[in-house]
C-alpha atoms as a PDB file:
ATOM      1  CA  MET A   1       0.141   0.069  -0.090  1.00  0.00           C
ATOM      2  CA  GLU A   2       1.304   3.398  -1.042  1.00  0.00           C
ATOM      3  CA  ASP A   3       1.887   5.935   1.567  1.00  0.00           C
ATOM      4  CA  GLY A   4      -0.674   8.410   0.103  1.00  0.00           C
ATOM      5  CA  GLU A   5      -3.392   5.623   0.295  1.00  0.00           C
ATOM      6  CA  ARG A   6      -2.441   4.524   3.619  1.00  0.00           C
ATOM      7  CA  SER A   7      -2.352   8.126   5.092  1.00  0.00           C
ATOM      8  CA  ALA A   8      -6.014   8.484   3.583  1.00  0.00           C
ATOM      9  CA  ASN A   9      -7.287   5.354   5.091  1.00  0.00           C
ATOM     10  CA  LEU A  10      -5.755   6.319   8.186  1.00  0.00           C
ATOM     11  CA  ARG A  11      -7.405   9.770   8.209  1.00  0.00           C
ATOM     12  CA  ARG A  12     -10.745   8.016   7.335  1.00  0.00           C
ATOM     13  CA  SER A  13     -10.249   5.809  10.379  1.00  0.00           C
ATOM     14  CA  ILE A  14      -9.371   8.599  12.723  1.00  0.00           C
ATOM     15  CA  LEU A  15     -12.466  10.457  11.693  1.00  0.00           C
ATOM     16  CA  LEU A  16     -14.773   7.573  11.949  1.00  0.00           C
ATOM     17  CA  THR A  17     -13.499   6.331  15.231  1.00  0.00           C
ATOM     18  CA  THR A  18     -13.748   9.771  16.964  1.00  0.00           C
ATOM     19  CA  SER A  19     -17.223  10.229  15.532  1.00  0.00           C
ATOM     20  CA  VAL A  20     -18.416   6.874  16.650  1.00  0.00           C
ATOM     21  CA  PHE A  21     -17.045   7.558  20.104  1.00  0.00           C
ATOM     22  CA  PHE A  22     -18.827  11.100  20.293  1.00  0.00           C
ATOM     23  CA  ILE A  23     -22.078   9.451  19.363  1.00  0.00           C
ATOM     24  CA  ALA A  24     -21.438   6.835  21.883  1.00  0.00           C
ATOM     25  CA  GLN A  25     -20.792   9.455  24.742  1.00  0.00           C
ATOM     26  CA  CYS A  26     -24.083  11.175  23.839  1.00  0.00           C
ATOM     27  CA  THR A  27     -25.816   8.019  24.191  1.00  0.00           C
ATOM     28  CA  ILE A  28     -24.343   7.030  27.459  1.00  0.00           C
ATOM     29  CA  PHE A  29     -25.136  10.568  28.723  1.00  0.00           C
ATOM     30  CA  LEU A  30     -28.683  10.392  27.478  1.00  0.00           C
ATOM     31  CA  LEU A  31     -29.191   6.877  29.204  1.00  0.00           C
ATOM     32  CA  PHE A  32     -28.257   8.496  32.521  1.00  0.00           C
ATOM     33  CA  ALA A  33     -30.027  11.889  31.807  1.00  0.00           C
ATOM     34  CA  VAL A  34     -33.291  10.559  30.648  1.00  0.00           C
ATOM     35  CA  SER A  35     -33.590   7.784  33.255  1.00  0.00           C
ATOM     36  CA  ALA A  36     -32.899  10.310  36.158  1.00  0.00           C
ATOM     37  CA  GLY A  37     -34.669  13.298  34.707  1.00  0.00           C
ATOM     38  CA  PHE A  38     -31.926  15.840  34.190  1.00  0.00           C
ATOM     39  CA  ALA A  39     -31.551  15.796  30.374  1.00  0.00           C
ATOM     40  CA  SER A  40     -33.203  19.320  29.814  1.00  0.00           C
ATOM     41  CA  LYS A  41     -30.812  20.908  32.706  1.00  0.00           C
ATOM     42  CA  TYR A  42     -27.369  19.266  31.764  1.00  0.00           C
ATOM     43  CA  TRP A  43     -27.747  18.440  27.826  1.00  0.00           C
ATOM     44  CA  SER A  44     -26.826  21.974  27.017  1.00  0.00           C
ATOM     45  CA  ILE A  45     -23.713  21.719  29.294  1.00  0.00           C
ATOM     46  CA  PHE A  46     -22.587  18.306  28.086  1.00  0.00           C
ATOM     47  CA  LEU A  47     -23.140  18.775  24.210  1.00  0.00           C
ATOM     48  CA  PRO A  48     -20.528  21.735  23.849  1.00  0.00           C
ATOM     49  CA  ILE A  49     -18.132  20.195  26.271  1.00  0.00           C
ATOM     50  CA  SER A  50     -18.190  16.743  24.685  1.00  0.00           C
ATOM     51  CA  GLY A  51     -18.306  18.058  21.218  1.00  0.00           C
ATOM     52  CA  GLY A  52     -15.423  20.569  21.775  1.00  0.00           C
ATOM     53  CA  PHE A  53     -13.257  17.854  23.409  1.00  0.00           C
ATOM     54  CA  HIS A  54     -13.845  15.375  20.621  1.00  0.00           C
ATOM     55  CA  ILE A  55     -12.951  17.839  17.936  1.00  0.00           C
ATOM     56  CA  LEU A  56      -9.828  18.756  19.853  1.00  0.00           C
ATOM     57  CA  VAL A  57      -8.927  14.964  20.058  1.00  0.00           C
ATOM     58  CA  LEU A  58      -9.623  14.668  16.259  1.00  0.00           C
ATOM     59  CA  ILE A  59      -7.287  17.424  15.589  1.00  0.00           C
ATOM     60  CA  LEU A  60      -4.450  16.144  17.728  1.00  0.00           C
ATOM     61  CA  LEU A  61      -4.642  12.571  16.362  1.00  0.00           C
ATOM     62  CA  LEU A  62      -4.520  13.777  12.801  1.00  0.00           C
ATOM     63  CA  LEU A  63      -1.485  16.001  13.598  1.00  0.00           C
ATOM     64  CA  PHE A  64       0.133  13.052  15.117  1.00  0.00           C
ATOM     65  CA  GLN A  65      -0.870  10.520  12.457  1.00  0.00           C
ATOM     66  CA  ASP A  66       2.922   9.563  11.538  1.00  0.00           C
ATOM     67  CA  ASP A  67       3.103   8.289  15.103  1.00  0.00           C
ATOM     68  CA  PHE A  68       0.551   5.385  14.329  1.00  0.00           C
ATOM     69  CA  THR A  69       3.548   3.044  13.796  1.00  0.00           C
ATOM     70  CA  ILE A  70       4.128  -0.300  15.429  1.00  0.00           C
ATOM     71  CA  GLU A  71       7.339   0.374  17.708  1.00  0.00           C
ATOM     72  CA  SER A  72       8.915  -3.052  17.407  1.00  0.00           C
ATOM     73  CA  THR A  73       8.598  -3.357  13.646  1.00  0.00           C
ATOM     74  CA  GLY A  74       8.164   0.171  12.421  1.00  0.00           C
ATOM     75  CA  GLU A  75       5.092  -0.851  10.237  1.00  0.00           C
ATOM     76  CA  LYS A  76       2.960   2.235   9.553  1.00  0.00           C
ATOM     77  CA  LEU A  77      -0.804   1.590  10.299  1.00  0.00           C
ATOM     78  CA  ASP A  78      -3.693   2.626   8.006  1.00  0.00           C
ATOM     79  CA  HIS A  79      -6.151   2.345  10.654  1.00  0.00           C
ATOM     80  CA  ILE A  80      -6.500   2.727  14.410  1.00  0.00           C
ATOM     81  CA  ASN A  81      -5.816  -0.604  15.861  1.00  0.00           C
ATOM     82  CA  LEU A  82      -7.739  -2.338  18.797  1.00  0.00           C
ATOM     83  CA  ALA A  83      -5.356  -1.368  21.660  1.00  0.00           C
ATOM     84  CA  ASN A  84      -5.575   2.621  20.509  1.00  0.00           C
ATOM     85  CA  ILE A  85      -9.288   2.113  20.157  1.00  0.00           C
ATOM     86  CA  ILE A  86      -9.518   1.099  23.863  1.00  0.00           C
ATOM     87  CA  THR A  87      -7.285   3.934  24.948  1.00  0.00           C
ATOM     88  CA  LEU A  88      -9.332   6.335  22.884  1.00  0.00           C
ATOM     89  CA  SER A  89     -12.492   5.033  24.438  1.00  0.00           C
ATOM     90  CA  ARG A  90     -11.174   6.159  27.794  1.00  0.00           C
ATOM     91  CA  VAL A  91     -10.202   9.512  26.722  1.00  0.00           C
ATOM     92  CA  SER A  92     -13.723  10.043  24.982  1.00  0.00           C
ATOM     93  CA  THR A  93     -15.379   9.434  28.434  1.00  0.00           C
ATOM     94  CA  MET A  94     -13.765  12.186  30.143  1.00  0.00           C
ATOM     95  CA  PRO A  95     -16.337  15.035  29.463  1.00  0.00           C
ATOM     96  CA  THR A  96     -19.172  12.532  30.042  1.00  0.00           C
ATOM     97  CA  LEU A  97     -17.759  11.706  33.430  1.00  0.00           C
ATOM     98  CA  LEU A  98     -17.422  15.238  34.455  1.00  0.00           C
ATOM     99  CA  VAL A  99     -20.850  16.345  33.851  1.00  0.00           C
ATOM    100  CA  LEU A 100     -22.493  13.155  35.298  1.00  0.00           C
ATOM    101  CA  VAL A 101     -20.436  13.706  38.541  1.00  0.00           C
ATOM    102  CA  MET A 102     -21.995  17.154  38.551  1.00  0.00           C
ATOM    103  CA  ALA A 103     -25.468  15.983  37.983  1.00  0.00           C
ATOM    104  CA  ALA A 104     -24.930  13.081  40.667  1.00  0.00           C
ATOM    105  CA  LYS A 105     -24.927  15.691  43.425  1.00  0.00           C
ATOM    106  CA  GLU A 106     -28.651  16.308  42.707  1.00  0.00           C
ATOM    107  CA  TYR A 107     -29.867  13.131  41.171  1.00  0.00           C
ATOM    108  CA  LYS A 108     -29.711   9.516  42.206  1.00  0.00           C
ATOM    109  CA  ILE A 109     -27.102   7.928  39.660  1.00  0.00           C
ATOM    110  CA  ARG A 110     -24.004   7.403  41.987  1.00  0.00           C
ATOM    111  CA  ILE A 111     -24.250   3.782  41.782  1.00  0.00           C
ATOM    112  CA  PRO A 112     -24.449   3.429  37.940  1.00  0.00           C
ATOM    113  CA  LEU A 113     -21.683   6.189  37.711  1.00  0.00           C
ATOM    114  CA  LEU A 114     -19.453   4.017  40.149  1.00  0.00           C
ATOM    115  CA  VAL A 115     -19.956   1.340  37.448  1.00  0.00           C
ATOM    116  CA  LEU A 116     -18.992   3.520  34.745  1.00  0.00           C
ATOM    117  CA  VAL A 117     -15.594   4.696  36.510  1.00  0.00           C
ATOM    118  CA  ALA A 118     -14.870   1.180  37.417  1.00  0.00           C
ATOM    119  CA  LEU A 119     -15.163   0.250  33.490  1.00  0.00           C
ATOM    120  CA  ILE A 120     -12.982   3.290  32.714  1.00  0.00           C
ATOM    121  CA  PHE A 121     -10.300   2.083  35.212  1.00  0.00           C
ATOM    122  CA  LEU A 122     -10.596  -1.486  33.522  1.00  0.00           C
ATOM    123  CA  THR A 123      -9.689   0.008  29.922  1.00  0.00           C
ATOM    124  CA  ASP A 124      -6.455   1.174  31.403  1.00  0.00           C
ATOM    125  CA  PHE A 125      -5.639  -2.486  32.177  1.00  0.00           C
ATOM    126  CA  PHE A 126      -6.893  -4.019  29.044  1.00  0.00           C
ATOM    127  CA  ASP A 127      -5.160  -1.702  26.476  1.00  0.00           C
ATOM    128  CA  GLY A 128      -1.706  -2.243  27.863  1.00  0.00           C
ATOM    129  CA  ARG A 129      -2.158  -6.205  27.871  1.00  0.00           C
ATOM    130  CA  ILE A 130      -3.603  -6.002  24.432  1.00  0.00           C
ATOM    131  CA  SER A 131      -1.051  -3.789  22.888  1.00  0.00           C
ATOM    132  CA  ARG A 132       1.902  -5.845  24.308  1.00  0.00           C
ATOM    133  CA  ARG A 133       0.362  -9.314  23.747  1.00  0.00           C
ATOM    134  CA  ASN A 134      -0.520  -8.633  20.169  1.00  0.00           C
ATOM    135  CA  ASN A 135       2.504  -6.632  19.366  1.00  0.00           C
ATOM    136  CA  GLN A 136       0.210  -3.283  18.841  1.00  0.00           C
ATOM    137  CA  VAL A 137       2.466  -0.954  20.777  1.00  0.00           C
ATOM    138  CA  THR A 138       2.557   2.419  19.114  1.00  0.00           C
ATOM    139  CA  ARG A 139       4.011   5.821  19.835  1.00  0.00           C
ATOM    140  CA  VAL A 140       0.583   7.523  19.633  1.00  0.00           C
ATOM    141  CA  GLY A 141      -0.926   4.789  21.900  1.00  0.00           C
ATOM    142  CA  LYS A 142       1.641   5.539  24.431  1.00  0.00           C
ATOM    143  CA  MET A 143       1.002   9.361  24.065  1.00  0.00           C
ATOM    144  CA  MET A 144      -2.752   8.715  24.482  1.00  0.00           C
ATOM    145  CA  ASP A 145      -2.300   6.280  27.342  1.00  0.00           C
ATOM    146  CA  SER A 146      -0.276   8.863  29.057  1.00  0.00           C
ATOM    147  CA  ALA A 147      -2.681  11.828  28.301  1.00  0.00           C
ATOM    148  CA  SER A 148      -5.726   9.668  29.301  1.00  0.00           C
ATOM    149  CA  ASP A 149      -4.175   8.973  32.757  1.00  0.00           C
ATOM    150  CA  TYR A 150      -3.295  12.598  33.472  1.00  0.00           C
ATOM    151  CA  THR A 151      -6.842  13.724  31.848  1.00  0.00           C
ATOM    152  CA  LEU A 152      -8.708  11.398  34.213  1.00  0.00           C
ATOM    153  CA  LEU A 153      -6.596  12.639  37.054  1.00  0.00           C
ATOM    154  CA  VAL A 154      -7.683  16.238  36.340  1.00  0.00           C
ATOM    155  CA  VAL A 155     -11.169  15.279  35.974  1.00  0.00           C
ATOM    156  CA  LEU A 156     -11.253  13.389  39.038  1.00  0.00           C
ATOM    157  CA  SER A 157      -9.536  15.948  41.146  1.00  0.00           C
ATOM    158  CA  VAL A 158     -11.840  18.549  39.976  1.00  0.00           C
ATOM    159  CA  ILE A 159     -14.791  16.373  41.007  1.00  0.00           C
ATOM    160  CA  PHE A 160     -13.583  15.438  44.307  1.00  0.00           C
ATOM    161  CA  GLN A 161     -12.779  19.002  45.075  1.00  0.00           C
ATOM    162  CA  TYR A 162     -16.483  19.827  43.888  1.00  0.00           C
ATOM    163  CA  TYR A 163     -17.740  17.272  46.340  1.00  0.00           C
ATOM    164  CA  LEU A 164     -15.242  18.277  49.032  1.00  0.00           C
ATOM    165  CA  LEU A 165     -13.906  14.895  49.284  1.00  0.00           C
ATOM    166  CA  ILE A 166     -10.427  15.838  49.131  1.00  0.00           C
ATOM    167  CA  PRO A 167      -8.764  18.877  51.022  1.00  0.00           C
ATOM    168  CA  ALA A 168      -7.679  21.914  49.325  1.00  0.00           C
ATOM    169  CA  TRP A 169      -4.059  21.248  49.923  1.00  0.00           C
ATOM    170  CA  PHE A 170      -4.275  17.996  48.259  1.00  0.00           C
ATOM    171  CA  PHE A 171      -5.995  19.190  45.289  1.00  0.00           C
ATOM    172  CA  VAL A 172      -3.438  21.882  44.758  1.00  0.00           C
ATOM    173  CA  LEU A 173      -0.693  19.368  44.958  1.00  0.00           C
ATOM    174  CA  VAL A 174      -2.137  17.165  42.470  1.00  0.00           C
ATOM    175  CA  LEU A 175      -2.507  20.071  39.980  1.00  0.00           C
ATOM    176  CA  VAL A 176       0.986  21.281  40.781  1.00  0.00           C
ATOM    177  CA  ARG A 177       2.124  17.739  39.821  1.00  0.00           C
ATOM    178  CA  LEU A 178       0.114  17.701  36.566  1.00  0.00           C
ATOM    179  CA  GLY A 179       1.067  21.409  35.776  1.00  0.00           C
ATOM    180  CA  ILE A 180       4.787  20.496  35.952  1.00  0.00           C
ATOM    181  CA  GLN A 181       4.095  17.466  33.827  1.00  0.00           C
ATOM    182  CA  ALA A 182       2.236  19.637  30.993  1.00  0.00           C
ATOM    183  CA  LEU A 183       5.066  22.221  31.248  1.00  0.00           C
ATOM    184  CA  PHE A 184       7.892  19.861  30.737  1.00  0.00           C
ATOM    185  CA  MET A 185       5.907  18.028  27.776  1.00  0.00           C
ATOM    186  CA  ALA A 186       5.534  21.397  26.223  1.00  0.00           C
ATOM    187  CA  ILE A 187       9.102  22.353  26.739  1.00  0.00           C
ATOM    188  CA  LEU A 188      10.310  19.059  25.142  1.00  0.00           C
ATOM    189  CA  VAL A 189       7.834  19.563  22.257  1.00  0.00           C
ATOM    190  CA  ILE A 190       9.412  23.014  21.541  1.00  0.00           C
ATOM    191  CA  VAL A 191      12.876  21.928  22.011  1.00  0.00           C
ATOM    192  CA  LYS A 192      12.942  18.509  20.240  1.00  0.00           C
ATOM    193  CA  LYS A 193       9.970  19.224  17.955  1.00  0.00           C
ATOM    194  CA  ARG A 194       8.167  16.081  19.214  1.00  0.00           C
ATOM    195  CA  ILE A 195       7.066  14.122  22.363  1.00  0.00           C
ATOM    196  CA  GLU A 196       9.133  11.304  23.367  1.00  0.00           C
ATOM    197  CA  PRO A 197       6.737   9.239  25.624  1.00  0.00           C
ATOM    198  CA  ASN A 198       8.792   8.188  28.860  1.00  0.00           C
ATOM    199  CA  SER A 199       7.492   6.430  31.768  1.00  0.00           C
ATOM    200  CA  THR A 200       9.273   6.062  35.161  1.00  0.00           C
ATOM    201  CA  PHE A 201       8.676   3.843  38.089  1.00  0.00           C
ATOM    202  CA  MET A 202       7.754   6.843  40.167  1.00  0.00           C
ATOM    203  CA  GLY A 203       5.638   8.264  37.539  1.00  0.00           C
ATOM    204  CA  LYS A 204       3.655   5.161  37.264  1.00  0.00           C
ATOM    205  CA  LEU A 205       3.390   4.839  41.035  1.00  0.00           C
ATOM    206  CA  THR A 206       2.306   8.367  41.465  1.00  0.00           C
ATOM    207  CA  VAL A 207      -0.560   7.798  39.078  1.00  0.00           C
ATOM    208  CA  ALA A 208      -1.434   4.422  40.492  1.00  0.00           C
ATOM    209  CA  SER A 209      -1.397   5.651  44.041  1.00  0.00           C
ATOM    210  CA  ILE A 210      -3.713   8.508  43.154  1.00  0.00           C
ATOM    211  CA  MET A 211      -6.138   6.169  41.170  1.00  0.00           C
ATOM    212  CA  VAL A 212      -6.273   3.841  44.292  1.00  0.00           C
ATOM    213  CA  LEU A 213      -6.944   6.846  46.455  1.00  0.00           C
ATOM    214  CA  TYR A 214      -9.682   8.231  44.149  1.00  0.00           C
ATOM    215  CA  THR A 215     -11.420   4.822  43.756  1.00  0.00           C
ATOM    216  CA  LEU A 216     -11.765   4.753  47.669  1.00  0.00           C
ATOM    217  CA  GLU A 217     -13.021   8.204  47.410  1.00  0.00           C
ATOM    218  CA  ILE A 218     -15.611   7.111  44.717  1.00  0.00           C
ATOM    219  CA  ILE A 219     -16.761   4.184  46.867  1.00  0.00           C
ATOM    220  CA  GLN A 220     -17.177   6.552  49.795  1.00  0.00           C
ATOM    221  CA  LEU A 221     -19.220   8.902  47.733  1.00  0.00           C
ATOM    222  CA  ALA A 222     -21.327   6.094  46.145  1.00  0.00           C
ATOM    223  CA  VAL A 223     -22.381   4.551  49.502  1.00  0.00           C
ATOM    224  CA  ASN A 224     -22.531   7.865  51.467  1.00  0.00           C
ATOM    225  CA  ALA A 225     -19.879   6.580  53.845  1.00  0.00           C
ATOM    226  CA  PRO A 226     -18.611   9.043  56.534  1.00  0.00           C
ATOM    227  CA  SER A 227     -15.239  10.552  56.278  1.00  0.00           C
ATOM    228  CA  LEU A 228     -12.841   8.246  58.239  1.00  0.00           C
ATOM    229  CA  LEU A 229      -9.362   8.486  59.482  1.00  0.00           C
ATOM    230  CA  VAL A 230      -8.195   5.827  56.992  1.00  0.00           C
ATOM    231  CA  PHE A 231      -8.910   8.302  54.169  1.00  0.00           C
ATOM    232  CA  ARG A 232      -6.926  11.122  55.766  1.00  0.00           C
ATOM    233  CA  ILE A 233      -3.969   8.874  56.243  1.00  0.00           C
ATOM    234  CA  ALA A 234      -4.093   7.690  52.740  1.00  0.00           C
ATOM    235  CA  GLU A 235      -4.041  11.209  51.447  1.00  0.00           C
ATOM    236  CA  TRP A 236      -0.902  11.980  53.397  1.00  0.00           C
ATOM    237  CA  VAL A 237       0.733   8.731  52.023  1.00  0.00           C
ATOM    238  CA  VAL A 238      -0.387   9.652  48.387  1.00  0.00           C
ATOM    239  CA  ALA A 239       0.823  13.192  48.990  1.00  0.00           C
ATOM    240  CA  ILE A 240       4.316  12.028  49.952  1.00  0.00           C
ATOM    241  CA  ILE A 241       4.403   9.759  46.867  1.00  0.00           C
ATOM    242  CA  ILE A 242       3.451  12.718  44.782  1.00  0.00           C
ATOM    243  CA  VAL A 243       6.145  15.001  46.163  1.00  0.00           C
ATOM    244  CA  ILE A 244       8.909  12.280  45.574  1.00  0.00           C
ATOM    245  CA  GLY A 245       7.350  12.101  41.983  1.00  0.00           C
ATOM    246  CA  ILE A 246       7.753  15.655  41.275  1.00  0.00           C
ATOM    247  CA  PHE A 247      11.555  15.320  41.872  1.00  0.00           C
ATOM    248  CA  ASP A 248      11.675  12.257  39.908  1.00  0.00           C
ATOM    249  CA  LYS A 249       9.840  13.927  37.129  1.00  0.00           C
ATOM    250  CA  ILE A 250      12.468  16.879  37.146  1.00  0.00           C
ATOM    251  CA  VAL A 251      15.363  14.393  36.793  1.00  0.00           C
ATOM    252  CA  SER A 252      13.508  12.517  34.018  1.00  0.00           C
ATOM    253  CA  PHE A 253      12.910  15.738  32.118  1.00  0.00           C
ATOM    254  CA  PHE A 254      16.608  16.846  32.209  1.00  0.00           C
ATOM    255  CA  ASP A 255      17.560  13.197  31.057  1.00  0.00           C
ATOM    256  CA  ALA A 256      15.047  13.640  28.132  1.00  0.00           C
ATOM    257  CA  LEU A 257      16.622  17.005  27.270  1.00  0.00           C
ATOM    258  CA  LYS A 258      19.850  15.398  26.972  1.00  0.00           C
ATOM    259  CA  SER A 259      19.012  12.225  25.214  1.00  0.00           C
ATOM    260  CA  LYS A 260      18.855  11.921  21.360  1.00  0.00           C
ATOM    261  CA  PRO A 261      15.238  11.646  19.790  1.00  0.00           C
ATOM    262  CA  SER A 262      14.440   8.113  18.789  1.00  0.00           C
ATOM    263  CA  ALA A 263      14.259   7.213  15.225  1.00  0.00           C
END
């Protein structure tokens, strides 16, 4: 297949996939909204947020279409593979999750919302296993996976602060950590003209620990459990991990600046 034909097929696949996910998210939202009776109140909020978000994702995927390449073989894809579709499904759900949690403060949708969050967490497990098992690891997949993790953390952090489930200092600490990550990525893009996905043990541990903490917080929210000392202790433990992770990210950033870009 010639490069021109491959690129055209990939663009069609990107457009079709993002369009299908946008329609799917509208359907998921309406299932929640119609059954609970808040469609008229929150549809006007959901539609522009989700629509704008999916347009942004579409633009970014088109800009990085050269990174739809199997890392181990160098094979250029002419379509979005299964692992990337699963990752993209997690990214696509972020606006839906944000608006539904806002609605959950007034309407009884917390249990099905907890199921939705659990499914989002599961996609983070399956896309990695599928990509490695089926040799579908791509640079764009690694970028989307990293971006989806951090986007999910931002959305959940805003949600938990909205419900006052986490203290303000913890919310600020998480935003500082994510802000540093975004700043370093922007600098690397400017200096090296591309993003070089690079995960460290502390980076993975930081994301995982915050995810575990937020899972506990979601369970607390869903069952209306009282705030317990164990949650406060968990917040301090995760906070220490985040601070250590910030220093690790600084070291990793300077290492990335010195390294040569991969072929």
